[in-house]
Amino acid sequence: MLQLNVKNETSRLRAVVLGSAVDNGPTPTAEEAYDPKSLEHILAGTYPVEADMVNEMEAFNKVFQKYDVKVFRPERIENYNQIFTRDIGFVIDDTFIKANILPDRERELDAIQYVLDQINPAKIVRPPEEVHIEGGDVMLWNDYIFIGTYKGSDYKDYITARTNMAGVNYIKELFPNKIVKEFDLVKSKMEARDNALHLDCCFQPVGDNKGIIYKSGFREEADYRYLVKLFGKENLFHITREEMYNMNSNVFSIAPNVVVSEKNFTRLNTWLREQGFTVEEIPYAEIAKQEGLLRCSTLPLIRD
């Protein structure tokens, strides 16, 4: 049996579900796009091709092998995008929470059933139907659970709004001993540079006390200031609008001192190294065209 344990974003990783780009299916139509960045590349004819994405994910897998991490991959679904496993479920402490994902993505959960079968059934929960919550919006920091949400009255009109306040309250009830803090995120259906699809598109902790942040991803400045006060401004790397668009905050930590990052994130990777991190650089710019990156492609199961 798998003894789940995830309490933060950066402790030494032991087991993870890494998505798959194999048999990814044809380029979606504009009507099928889930987010403005994918739509932009569909319309421009620059949507990523399967071979490039498979190569990028294999580079990620090789880094996991280097650090002796147990990697699970989803079972193959024909003609289907299975890259972003973070959307379909997430672990808090020793509990696996299934996400109430967009209905046509339900098959992605079935594809990791063989993994779920290795977990104590009492430790797997499914929120009620009215609860919307995706793993990209759930960020663990020891005693804290940070959750991205959208509080606008037009929530239902936004396919880019993935976690509602019912989701926040569900987590509060499930983990009464944690400090659960929600953040109201900026959403856009048309402009990817102004769309924080999930919390990890505008914030992520690295190491023991540092983080990457995009100030304009938060609808309320008070939410941004909360994180500045908690982490200290000198410990936060502030990214630009263009860097947010390129997903600079969506890196992935294998250990407190090891970060996997996209090789083109020159400014960020320089800062990380200056802070004493080992930066494992890999190509991931094609997958980034779908408004997701390294953290989105992973579902951590066990950390120290």
C-alpha atoms as a PDB file:
ATOM      1  CA  MET A   1       0.000   0.000   0.000  1.00  0.00           C
ATOM      2  CA  LEU A   2       1.060   3.573  -0.635  1.00  0.00           C
ATOM      3  CA  GLN A   3       1.385   5.578   2.593  1.00  0.00           C
ATOM      4  CA  LEU A   4       0.432   9.024   1.328  1.00  0.00           C
ATOM      5  CA  ASN A   5       2.230  12.007   2.840  1.00  0.00           C
ATOM      6  CA  VAL A   6       2.326  15.517   1.388  1.00  0.00           C
ATOM      7  CA  LYS A   7       2.530  18.490   3.766  1.00  0.00           C
ATOM      8  CA  ASN A   8       4.223  21.106   1.590  1.00  0.00           C
ATOM      9  CA  GLU A   9       5.498  21.820  -1.914  1.00  0.00           C
ATOM     10  CA  THR A  10       9.204  21.238  -1.372  1.00  0.00           C
ATOM     11  CA  SER A  11      10.061  18.294   0.937  1.00  0.00           C
ATOM     12  CA  ARG A  12      12.008  15.418  -0.624  1.00  0.00           C
ATOM     13  CA  LEU A  13       9.759  13.716  -3.183  1.00  0.00           C
ATOM     14  CA  ARG A  14       9.447   9.903  -3.070  1.00  0.00           C
ATOM     15  CA  ALA A  15       6.439   9.075  -5.307  1.00  0.00           C
ATOM     16  CA  VAL A  16       4.549  11.023  -7.957  1.00  0.00           C
ATOM     17  CA  VAL A  17       2.060  10.596 -10.804  1.00  0.00           C
ATOM     18  CA  LEU A  18       3.511  12.211 -13.934  1.00  0.00           C
ATOM     19  CA  GLY A  19       1.098  12.859 -16.790  1.00  0.00           C
ATOM     20  CA  SER A  20       1.515  11.533 -20.317  1.00  0.00           C
ATOM     21  CA  ALA A  21       1.531  13.129 -23.776  1.00  0.00           C
ATOM     22  CA  VAL A  22       1.377   9.797 -25.645  1.00  0.00           C
ATOM     23  CA  ASP A  23      -1.626   9.457 -27.992  1.00  0.00           C
ATOM     24  CA  ASN A  24      -2.523  13.067 -27.222  1.00  0.00           C
ATOM     25  CA  GLY A  25      -5.057  13.363 -29.992  1.00  0.00           C
ATOM     26  CA  PRO A  26      -5.480  15.971 -32.741  1.00  0.00           C
ATOM     27  CA  THR A  27      -5.132  19.715 -32.212  1.00  0.00           C
ATOM     28  CA  PRO A  28      -8.366  20.896 -30.582  1.00  0.00           C
ATOM     29  CA  THR A  29     -10.731  23.242 -32.375  1.00  0.00           C
ATOM     30  CA  ALA A  30     -11.078  26.792 -31.095  1.00  0.00           C
ATOM     31  CA  GLU A  31     -14.441  25.810 -29.590  1.00  0.00           C
ATOM     32  CA  GLU A  32     -12.775  23.007 -27.614  1.00  0.00           C
ATOM     33  CA  ALA A  33     -10.141  25.233 -25.947  1.00  0.00           C
ATOM     34  CA  TYR A  34     -10.292  25.274 -22.145  1.00  0.00           C
ATOM     35  CA  ASP A  35      -8.156  28.396 -21.701  1.00  0.00           C
ATOM     36  CA  PRO A  36      -7.087  31.529 -23.617  1.00  0.00           C
ATOM     37  CA  LYS A  37      -3.444  30.464 -24.111  1.00  0.00           C
ATOM     38  CA  SER A  38      -4.383  27.218 -25.855  1.00  0.00           C
ATOM     39  CA  LEU A  39      -6.873  29.188 -27.965  1.00  0.00           C
ATOM     40  CA  GLU A  40      -4.151  31.660 -28.935  1.00  0.00           C
ATOM     41  CA  HIS A  41      -1.899  28.868 -30.222  1.00  0.00           C
ATOM     42  CA  ILE A  42      -4.750  26.997 -31.944  1.00  0.00           C
ATOM     43  CA  LEU A  43      -5.638  30.155 -33.896  1.00  0.00           C
ATOM     44  CA  ALA A  44      -1.969  30.941 -34.674  1.00  0.00           C
ATOM     45  CA  GLY A  45      -1.220  27.407 -35.905  1.00  0.00           C
ATOM     46  CA  THR A  46       1.474  27.005 -33.223  1.00  0.00           C
ATOM     47  CA  TYR A  47      -0.309  24.488 -30.998  1.00  0.00           C
ATOM     48  CA  PRO A  48       2.228  21.893 -29.771  1.00  0.00           C
ATOM     49  CA  VAL A  49       2.649  18.563 -31.553  1.00  0.00           C
ATOM     50  CA  GLU A  50       2.648  15.246 -29.723  1.00  0.00           C
ATOM     51  CA  ALA A  51       6.267  14.238 -30.439  1.00  0.00           C
ATOM     52  CA  ASP A  52       7.641  17.452 -28.912  1.00  0.00           C
ATOM     53  CA  MET A  53       5.486  17.109 -25.807  1.00  0.00           C
ATOM     54  CA  VAL A  54       6.425  13.449 -25.342  1.00  0.00           C
ATOM     55  CA  ASN A  55      10.106  14.453 -25.481  1.00  0.00           C
ATOM     56  CA  GLU A  56       9.574  17.210 -22.916  1.00  0.00           C
ATOM     57  CA  MET A  57       7.787  14.884 -20.502  1.00  0.00           C
ATOM     58  CA  GLU A  58      10.508  12.258 -20.939  1.00  0.00           C
ATOM     59  CA  ALA A  59      13.106  14.869 -19.964  1.00  0.00           C
ATOM     60  CA  PHE A  60      11.069  15.487 -16.786  1.00  0.00           C
ATOM     61  CA  ASN A  61      10.849  11.739 -16.140  1.00  0.00           C
ATOM     62  CA  LYS A  62      14.637  11.427 -16.444  1.00  0.00           C
ATOM     63  CA  VAL A  63      15.100  14.014 -13.689  1.00  0.00           C
ATOM     64  CA  PHE A  64      12.817  11.956 -11.430  1.00  0.00           C
ATOM     65  CA  GLN A  65      14.872   8.848 -12.215  1.00  0.00           C
ATOM     66  CA  LYS A  66      18.078  10.746 -11.370  1.00  0.00           C
ATOM     67  CA  TYR A  67      16.672  11.478  -7.889  1.00  0.00           C
ATOM     68  CA  ASP A  68      15.279   7.960  -7.424  1.00  0.00           C
ATOM     69  CA  VAL A  69      11.633   9.048  -7.326  1.00  0.00           C
ATOM     70  CA  LYS A  70       8.940   6.384  -7.904  1.00  0.00           C
ATOM     71  CA  VAL A  71       6.989   7.526 -10.960  1.00  0.00           C
ATOM     72  CA  PHE A  72       3.495   6.350 -11.905  1.00  0.00           C
ATOM     73  CA  ARG A  73       2.063   7.177 -15.347  1.00  0.00           C
ATOM     74  CA  PRO A  74      -1.626   7.155 -16.306  1.00  0.00           C
ATOM     75  CA  GLU A  75      -2.911   4.301 -18.433  1.00  0.00           C
ATOM     76  CA  ARG A  76      -3.270   5.363 -22.029  1.00  0.00           C
ATOM     77  CA  ILE A  77      -6.544   6.762 -23.335  1.00  0.00           C
ATOM     78  CA  GLU A  78      -6.704   6.954 -27.136  1.00  0.00           C
ATOM     79  CA  ASN A  79      -6.655  10.437 -28.648  1.00  0.00           C
ATOM     80  CA  TYR A  80      -6.773  12.179 -25.311  1.00  0.00           C
ATOM     81  CA  ASN A  81      -4.768  14.824 -23.443  1.00  0.00           C
ATOM     82  CA  GLN A  82      -3.489  13.309 -20.166  1.00  0.00           C
ATOM     83  CA  ILE A  83      -0.665  15.745 -19.431  1.00  0.00           C
ATOM     84  CA  PHE A  84      -2.078  17.712 -16.497  1.00  0.00           C
ATOM     85  CA  THR A  85      -2.573  15.226 -13.671  1.00  0.00           C
ATOM     86  CA  ARG A  86      -2.619  18.031 -11.088  1.00  0.00           C
ATOM     87  CA  ASP A  87      -6.174  18.854 -12.211  1.00  0.00           C
ATOM     88  CA  ILE A  88      -7.674  15.458 -11.436  1.00  0.00           C
ATOM     89  CA  GLY A  89      -6.669  15.009  -7.810  1.00  0.00           C
ATOM     90  CA  PHE A  90      -4.274  16.038  -5.076  1.00  0.00           C
ATOM     91  CA  VAL A  91      -2.937  14.840  -1.728  1.00  0.00           C
ATOM     92  CA  ILE A  92      -3.117  16.763   1.558  1.00  0.00           C
ATOM     93  CA  ASP A  93      -1.330  15.040   4.441  1.00  0.00           C
ATOM     94  CA  ASP A  94      -2.389  11.379   4.005  1.00  0.00           C
ATOM     95  CA  THR A  95      -5.650  11.994   2.099  1.00  0.00           C
ATOM     96  CA  PHE A  96      -6.240  11.775  -1.660  1.00  0.00           C
ATOM     97  CA  ILE A  97      -8.917  14.229  -2.805  1.00  0.00           C
ATOM     98  CA  LYS A  98     -10.517  13.531  -6.182  1.00  0.00           C
ATOM     99  CA  ALA A  99     -11.294  16.744  -8.045  1.00  0.00           C
ATOM    100  CA  ASN A 100     -14.744  17.412  -9.472  1.00  0.00           C
ATOM    101  CA  ILE A 101     -13.194  18.184 -12.838  1.00  0.00           C
ATOM    102  CA  LEU A 102     -14.803  19.367 -16.052  1.00  0.00           C
ATOM    103  CA  PRO A 103     -17.159  16.452 -16.858  1.00  0.00           C
ATOM    104  CA  ASP A 104     -15.426  15.340 -20.048  1.00  0.00           C
ATOM    105  CA  ARG A 105     -12.143  14.828 -18.137  1.00  0.00           C
ATOM    106  CA  GLU A 106     -13.537  12.157 -15.828  1.00  0.00           C
ATOM    107  CA  ARG A 107     -11.743   9.429 -17.802  1.00  0.00           C
ATOM    108  CA  GLU A 108      -8.411  10.811 -16.587  1.00  0.00           C
ATOM    109  CA  LEU A 109      -9.260   9.647 -13.073  1.00  0.00           C
ATOM    110  CA  ASP A 110     -10.084   6.172 -14.376  1.00  0.00           C
ATOM    111  CA  ALA A 111      -6.622   6.061 -15.984  1.00  0.00           C
ATOM    112  CA  ILE A 112      -4.929   6.279 -12.567  1.00  0.00           C
ATOM    113  CA  GLN A 113      -7.304   3.841 -10.858  1.00  0.00           C
ATOM    114  CA  TYR A 114      -4.457   1.316 -10.574  1.00  0.00           C
ATOM    115  CA  VAL A 115      -2.648   3.857  -8.382  1.00  0.00           C
ATOM    116  CA  LEU A 116      -5.738   4.591  -6.286  1.00  0.00           C
ATOM    117  CA  ASP A 117      -6.134   0.839  -5.746  1.00  0.00           C
ATOM    118  CA  GLN A 118      -2.844   0.958  -3.787  1.00  0.00           C
ATOM    119  CA  ILE A 119      -4.218   3.555  -1.352  1.00  0.00           C
ATOM    120  CA  ASN A 120      -6.325   2.852   1.738  1.00  0.00           C
ATOM    121  CA  PRO A 121      -9.920   3.496   0.490  1.00  0.00           C
ATOM    122  CA  ALA A 122     -10.697   5.321   3.740  1.00  0.00           C
ATOM    123  CA  LYS A 123      -8.092   7.891   2.702  1.00  0.00           C
ATOM    124  CA  ILE A 124      -9.709   8.703  -0.660  1.00  0.00           C
ATOM    125  CA  VAL A 125     -12.463  11.317  -0.686  1.00  0.00           C
ATOM    126  CA  ARG A 126     -14.692  12.829  -3.366  1.00  0.00           C
ATOM    127  CA  PRO A 127     -16.258  16.213  -2.662  1.00  0.00           C
ATOM    128  CA  PRO A 128     -20.004  16.723  -3.241  1.00  0.00           C
ATOM    129  CA  GLU A 129     -21.057  17.889  -6.694  1.00  0.00           C
ATOM    130  CA  GLU A 130     -21.349  21.598  -5.869  1.00  0.00           C
ATOM    131  CA  VAL A 131     -17.711  21.683  -4.740  1.00  0.00           C
ATOM    132  CA  HIS A 132     -15.277  22.717  -7.492  1.00  0.00           C
ATOM    133  CA  ILE A 133     -11.586  22.429  -6.665  1.00  0.00           C
ATOM    134  CA  GLU A 134      -8.502  21.588  -8.733  1.00  0.00           C
ATOM    135  CA  GLY A 135      -4.997  20.732  -7.584  1.00  0.00           C
ATOM    136  CA  GLY A 136      -3.426  23.726  -9.316  1.00  0.00           C
ATOM    137  CA  ASP A 137      -5.325  25.940  -6.892  1.00  0.00           C
ATOM    138  CA  VAL A 138      -4.225  24.031  -3.766  1.00  0.00           C
ATOM    139  CA  MET A 139      -0.818  24.950  -2.364  1.00  0.00           C
ATOM    140  CA  LEU A 140       0.476  23.327   0.840  1.00  0.00           C
ATOM    141  CA  TRP A 141       2.849  25.078   3.194  1.00  0.00           C
ATOM    142  CA  ASN A 142       3.019  22.997   6.387  1.00  0.00           C
ATOM    143  CA  ASP A 143       0.331  24.437   8.711  1.00  0.00           C
ATOM    144  CA  TYR A 144      -1.120  26.477   5.861  1.00  0.00           C
ATOM    145  CA  ILE A 145      -3.257  25.512   2.878  1.00  0.00           C
ATOM    146  CA  PHE A 146      -3.357  28.284   0.264  1.00  0.00           C
ATOM    147  CA  ILE A 147      -6.259  28.024  -2.200  1.00  0.00           C
ATOM    148  CA  GLY A 148      -6.832  30.002  -5.379  1.00  0.00           C
ATOM    149  CA  THR A 149     -10.465  30.830  -6.138  1.00  0.00           C
ATOM    150  CA  TYR A 150     -12.630  33.322  -7.999  1.00  0.00           C
ATOM    151  CA  LYS A 151     -15.191  35.316  -6.030  1.00  0.00           C
ATOM    152  CA  GLY A 152     -16.818  37.169  -8.918  1.00  0.00           C
ATOM    153  CA  SER A 153     -20.579  36.857  -9.245  1.00  0.00           C
ATOM    154  CA  ASP A 154     -19.976  35.712 -12.831  1.00  0.00           C
ATOM    155  CA  TYR A 155     -18.033  32.606 -11.690  1.00  0.00           C
ATOM    156  CA  LYS A 156     -20.237  30.244 -13.702  1.00  0.00           C
ATOM    157  CA  ASP A 157     -19.439  32.153 -16.927  1.00  0.00           C
ATOM    158  CA  TYR A 158     -15.708  31.476 -16.632  1.00  0.00           C
ATOM    159  CA  ILE A 159     -14.329  28.121 -17.789  1.00  0.00           C
ATOM    160  CA  THR A 160     -11.037  29.506 -16.409  1.00  0.00           C
ATOM    161  CA  ALA A 161     -12.532  29.706 -12.885  1.00  0.00           C
ATOM    162  CA  ARG A 162     -11.823  26.226 -11.559  1.00  0.00           C
ATOM    163  CA  THR A 163     -12.217  26.453  -7.760  1.00  0.00           C
ATOM    164  CA  ASN A 164     -15.222  28.000  -6.031  1.00  0.00           C
ATOM    165  CA  MET A 165     -15.792  29.093  -2.422  1.00  0.00           C
ATOM    166  CA  ALA A 166     -17.617  25.820  -1.760  1.00  0.00           C
ATOM    167  CA  GLY A 167     -14.272  24.176  -2.556  1.00  0.00           C
ATOM    168  CA  VAL A 168     -12.462  26.406  -0.076  1.00  0.00           C
ATOM    169  CA  ASN A 169     -15.016  25.657   2.655  1.00  0.00           C
ATOM    170  CA  TYR A 170     -14.849  21.926   1.934  1.00  0.00           C
ATOM    171  CA  ILE A 171     -11.098  21.922   2.582  1.00  0.00           C
ATOM    172  CA  LYS A 172     -11.597  23.975   5.746  1.00  0.00           C
ATOM    173  CA  GLU A 173     -14.011  21.352   7.075  1.00  0.00           C
ATOM    174  CA  LEU A 174     -11.798  18.440   6.014  1.00  0.00           C
ATOM    175  CA  PHE A 175      -8.685  19.920   7.678  1.00  0.00           C
ATOM    176  CA  PRO A 176      -9.881  21.913  10.707  1.00  0.00           C
ATOM    177  CA  ASN A 177      -6.368  22.061  12.193  1.00  0.00           C
ATOM    178  CA  LYS A 178      -4.898  23.823   9.160  1.00  0.00           C
ATOM    179  CA  ILE A 179      -4.882  27.549   8.404  1.00  0.00           C
ATOM    180  CA  VAL A 180      -6.817  27.704   5.136  1.00  0.00           C
ATOM    181  CA  LYS A 181      -6.397  30.986   3.258  1.00  0.00           C
ATOM    182  CA  GLU A 182      -8.097  31.660  -0.065  1.00  0.00           C
ATOM    183  CA  PHE A 183      -6.837  34.045  -2.729  1.00  0.00           C
ATOM    184  CA  ASP A 184      -9.127  35.748  -5.242  1.00  0.00           C
ATOM    185  CA  LEU A 185      -7.433  35.364  -8.647  1.00  0.00           C
ATOM    186  CA  VAL A 186      -7.634  37.453 -11.812  1.00  0.00           C
ATOM    187  CA  LYS A 187      -9.405  35.593 -14.629  1.00  0.00           C
ATOM    188  CA  SER A 188      -9.698  36.264 -18.341  1.00  0.00           C
ATOM    189  CA  LYS A 189     -11.388  34.214 -21.019  1.00  0.00           C
ATOM    190  CA  MET A 190      -9.618  36.068 -23.846  1.00  0.00           C
ATOM    191  CA  GLU A 191      -6.163  37.285 -22.704  1.00  0.00           C
ATOM    192  CA  ALA A 192      -3.780  34.634 -21.335  1.00  0.00           C
ATOM    193  CA  ARG A 193      -1.461  37.334 -19.959  1.00  0.00           C
ATOM    194  CA  ASP A 194      -4.245  38.388 -17.594  1.00  0.00           C
ATOM    195  CA  ASN A 195      -5.496  34.948 -16.635  1.00  0.00           C
ATOM    196  CA  ALA A 196      -4.288  33.228 -13.482  1.00  0.00           C
ATOM    197  CA  LEU A 197      -5.859  29.878 -14.372  1.00  0.00           C
ATOM    198  CA  HIS A 198      -4.773  28.419 -11.005  1.00  0.00           C
ATOM    199  CA  LEU A 199      -2.926  29.707  -7.950  1.00  0.00           C
ATOM    200  CA  ASP A 200       0.287  28.056  -9.193  1.00  0.00           C
ATOM    201  CA  CYS A 201       0.152  30.388 -12.217  1.00  0.00           C
ATOM    202  CA  CYS A 202       0.954  33.353  -9.962  1.00  0.00           C
ATOM    203  CA  PHE A 203       2.533  31.945  -6.789  1.00  0.00           C
ATOM    204  CA  GLN A 204       4.542  28.970  -5.532  1.00  0.00           C
ATOM    205  CA  PRO A 205       6.807  28.380  -2.516  1.00  0.00           C
ATOM    206  CA  VAL A 206      10.345  27.100  -3.100  1.00  0.00           C
ATOM    207  CA  GLY A 207      12.814  25.885  -0.493  1.00  0.00           C
ATOM    208  CA  ASP A 208      11.931  26.383   3.172  1.00  0.00           C
ATOM    209  CA  ASN A 209      11.000  30.062   3.189  1.00  0.00           C
ATOM    210  CA  LYS A 210      11.048  31.486  -0.339  1.00  0.00           C
ATOM    211  CA  GLY A 211       8.572  31.838  -3.172  1.00  0.00           C
ATOM    212  CA  ILE A 212       7.842  32.991  -6.725  1.00  0.00           C
ATOM    213  CA  ILE A 213       5.013  35.513  -7.059  1.00  0.00           C
ATOM    214  CA  TYR A 214       3.140  37.606  -9.626  1.00  0.00           C
ATOM    215  CA  LYS A 215       1.497  40.566  -7.906  1.00  0.00           C
ATOM    216  CA  SER A 216      -1.089  41.300 -10.614  1.00  0.00           C
ATOM    217  CA  GLY A 217      -2.452  37.744 -10.495  1.00  0.00           C
ATOM    218  CA  PHE A 218      -4.382  38.648  -7.337  1.00  0.00           C
ATOM    219  CA  ARG A 219      -7.652  40.583  -7.602  1.00  0.00           C
ATOM    220  CA  GLU A 220      -7.164  42.021  -4.113  1.00  0.00           C
ATOM    221  CA  GLU A 221      -3.869  43.645  -3.149  1.00  0.00           C
ATOM    222  CA  ALA A 222      -4.510  42.498   0.433  1.00  0.00           C
ATOM    223  CA  ASP A 223      -4.079  38.878  -0.721  1.00  0.00           C
ATOM    224  CA  TYR A 224      -0.721  39.713  -2.264  1.00  0.00           C
ATOM    225  CA  ARG A 225       0.344  41.603   0.885  1.00  0.00           C
ATOM    226  CA  TYR A 226      -0.632  38.600   3.038  1.00  0.00           C
ATOM    227  CA  LEU A 227       1.987  36.481   1.267  1.00  0.00           C
ATOM    228  CA  VAL A 228       4.608  39.256   1.367  1.00  0.00           C
ATOM    229  CA  LYS A 229       4.126  39.542   5.119  1.00  0.00           C
ATOM    230  CA  LEU A 230       4.252  35.756   5.602  1.00  0.00           C
ATOM    231  CA  PHE A 231       7.342  35.098   3.475  1.00  0.00           C
ATOM    232  CA  GLY A 232       9.120  38.463   3.630  1.00  0.00           C
ATOM    233  CA  LYS A 233       9.542  40.587   0.508  1.00  0.00           C
ATOM    234  CA  GLU A 234      13.272  39.779   0.309  1.00  0.00           C
ATOM    235  CA  ASN A 235      12.403  36.062   0.018  1.00  0.00           C
ATOM    236  CA  LEU A 236      10.011  36.475  -2.918  1.00  0.00           C
ATOM    237  CA  PHE A 237      11.014  36.504  -6.586  1.00  0.00           C
ATOM    238  CA  HIS A 238       8.603  38.843  -8.395  1.00  0.00           C
ATOM    239  CA  ILE A 239       7.848  37.825 -11.975  1.00  0.00           C
ATOM    240  CA  THR A 240       6.635  40.078 -14.788  1.00  0.00           C
ATOM    241  CA  ARG A 241       3.391  39.805 -16.777  1.00  0.00           C
ATOM    242  CA  GLU A 242       5.265  38.102 -19.637  1.00  0.00           C
ATOM    243  CA  GLU A 243       7.032  35.717 -17.222  1.00  0.00           C
ATOM    244  CA  MET A 244       3.661  34.820 -15.702  1.00  0.00           C
ATOM    245  CA  TYR A 245       2.348  34.150 -19.223  1.00  0.00           C
ATOM    246  CA  ASN A 246       5.312  31.816 -19.775  1.00  0.00           C
ATOM    247  CA  MET A 247       4.480  30.049 -16.469  1.00  0.00           C
ATOM    248  CA  ASN A 248       7.611  31.007 -14.476  1.00  0.00           C
ATOM    249  CA  SER A 249       5.861  30.277 -11.162  1.00  0.00           C
ATOM    250  CA  ASN A 250       4.927  26.772 -12.303  1.00  0.00           C
ATOM    251  CA  VAL A 251       8.224  25.066 -11.512  1.00  0.00           C
ATOM    252  CA  PHE A 252       8.416  21.884  -9.418  1.00  0.00           C
ATOM    253  CA  SER A 253      10.446  21.044  -6.303  1.00  0.00           C
ATOM    254  CA  ILE A 254      11.962  17.586  -5.825  1.00  0.00           C
ATOM    255  CA  ALA A 255      13.621  18.595  -2.548  1.00  0.00           C
ATOM    256  CA  PRO A 256      14.050  21.772  -0.462  1.00  0.00           C
ATOM    257  CA  ASN A 257      17.193  22.567  -2.462  1.00  0.00           C
ATOM    258  CA  VAL A 258      16.280  21.045  -5.873  1.00  0.00           C
ATOM    259  CA  VAL A 259      13.950  22.765  -8.339  1.00  0.00           C
ATOM    260  CA  VAL A 260      13.007  21.552 -11.827  1.00  0.00           C
ATOM    261  CA  SER A 261      12.581  24.574 -14.111  1.00  0.00           C
ATOM    262  CA  GLU A 262      12.116  25.406 -17.795  1.00  0.00           C
ATOM    263  CA  LYS A 263      15.475  26.053 -19.467  1.00  0.00           C
ATOM    264  CA  ASN A 264      14.362  29.424 -20.891  1.00  0.00           C
ATOM    265  CA  PHE A 265      13.519  30.916 -17.480  1.00  0.00           C
ATOM    266  CA  THR A 266      16.906  32.663 -17.418  1.00  0.00           C
ATOM    267  CA  ARG A 267      16.151  35.359 -14.841  1.00  0.00           C
ATOM    268  CA  LEU A 268      14.371  32.987 -12.456  1.00  0.00           C
ATOM    269  CA  ASN A 269      16.953  30.207 -12.768  1.00  0.00           C
ATOM    270  CA  THR A 270      19.771  32.678 -12.070  1.00  0.00           C
ATOM    271  CA  TRP A 271      17.986  33.877  -8.924  1.00  0.00           C
ATOM    272  CA  LEU A 272      17.341  30.318  -7.759  1.00  0.00           C
ATOM    273  CA  ARG A 273      21.015  29.438  -8.114  1.00  0.00           C
ATOM    274  CA  GLU A 274      21.983  32.618  -6.261  1.00  0.00           C
ATOM    275  CA  GLN A 275      19.743  31.427  -3.412  1.00  0.00           C
ATOM    276  CA  GLY A 276      21.633  28.117  -3.290  1.00  0.00           C
ATOM    277  CA  PHE A 277      19.217  25.898  -5.225  1.00  0.00           C
ATOM    278  CA  THR A 278      20.221  23.141  -7.626  1.00  0.00           C
ATOM    279  CA  VAL A 279      18.223  23.937 -10.774  1.00  0.00           C
ATOM    280  CA  GLU A 280      17.433  21.032 -13.088  1.00  0.00           C
ATOM    281  CA  GLU A 281      16.679  22.753 -16.402  1.00  0.00           C
ATOM    282  CA  ILE A 282      14.553  20.925 -18.986  1.00  0.00           C
ATOM    283  CA  PRO A 283      12.682  21.968 -22.161  1.00  0.00           C
ATOM    284  CA  TYR A 284       8.968  22.462 -21.484  1.00  0.00           C
ATOM    285  CA  ALA A 285       8.015  25.430 -23.678  1.00  0.00           C
ATOM    286  CA  GLU A 286       5.730  23.411 -25.972  1.00  0.00           C
ATOM    287  CA  ILE A 287       3.621  22.075 -23.107  1.00  0.00           C
ATOM    288  CA  ALA A 288       3.496  25.634 -21.708  1.00  0.00           C
ATOM    289  CA  LYS A 289       1.418  26.620 -24.745  1.00  0.00           C
ATOM    290  CA  GLN A 290      -1.517  24.817 -23.078  1.00  0.00           C
ATOM    291  CA  GLU A 291      -1.346  27.141 -20.046  1.00  0.00           C
ATOM    292  CA  GLY A 292       0.257  24.513 -17.824  1.00  0.00           C
ATOM    293  CA  LEU A 293       3.807  23.602 -16.913  1.00  0.00           C
ATOM    294  CA  LEU A 294       5.836  21.438 -14.536  1.00  0.00           C
ATOM    295  CA  ARG A 295       3.699  21.598 -11.407  1.00  0.00           C
ATOM    296  CA  CYS A 296       0.544  21.034 -13.482  1.00  0.00           C
ATOM    297  CA  SER A 297       1.993  17.808 -14.929  1.00  0.00           C
ATOM    298  CA  THR A 298       2.596  16.217 -11.515  1.00  0.00           C
ATOM    299  CA  LEU A 299       0.514  14.739  -8.733  1.00  0.00           C
ATOM    300  CA  PRO A 300       2.823  14.156  -5.718  1.00  0.00           C
ATOM    301  CA  LEU A 301       1.834  11.195  -3.543  1.00  0.00           C
ATOM    302  CA  ILE A 302       4.664  10.876  -1.009  1.00  0.00           C
ATOM    303  CA  ARG A 303       7.147  13.420   0.299  1.00  0.00           C
ATOM    304  CA  ASP A 304       9.363  13.101   3.385  1.00  0.00           C
END
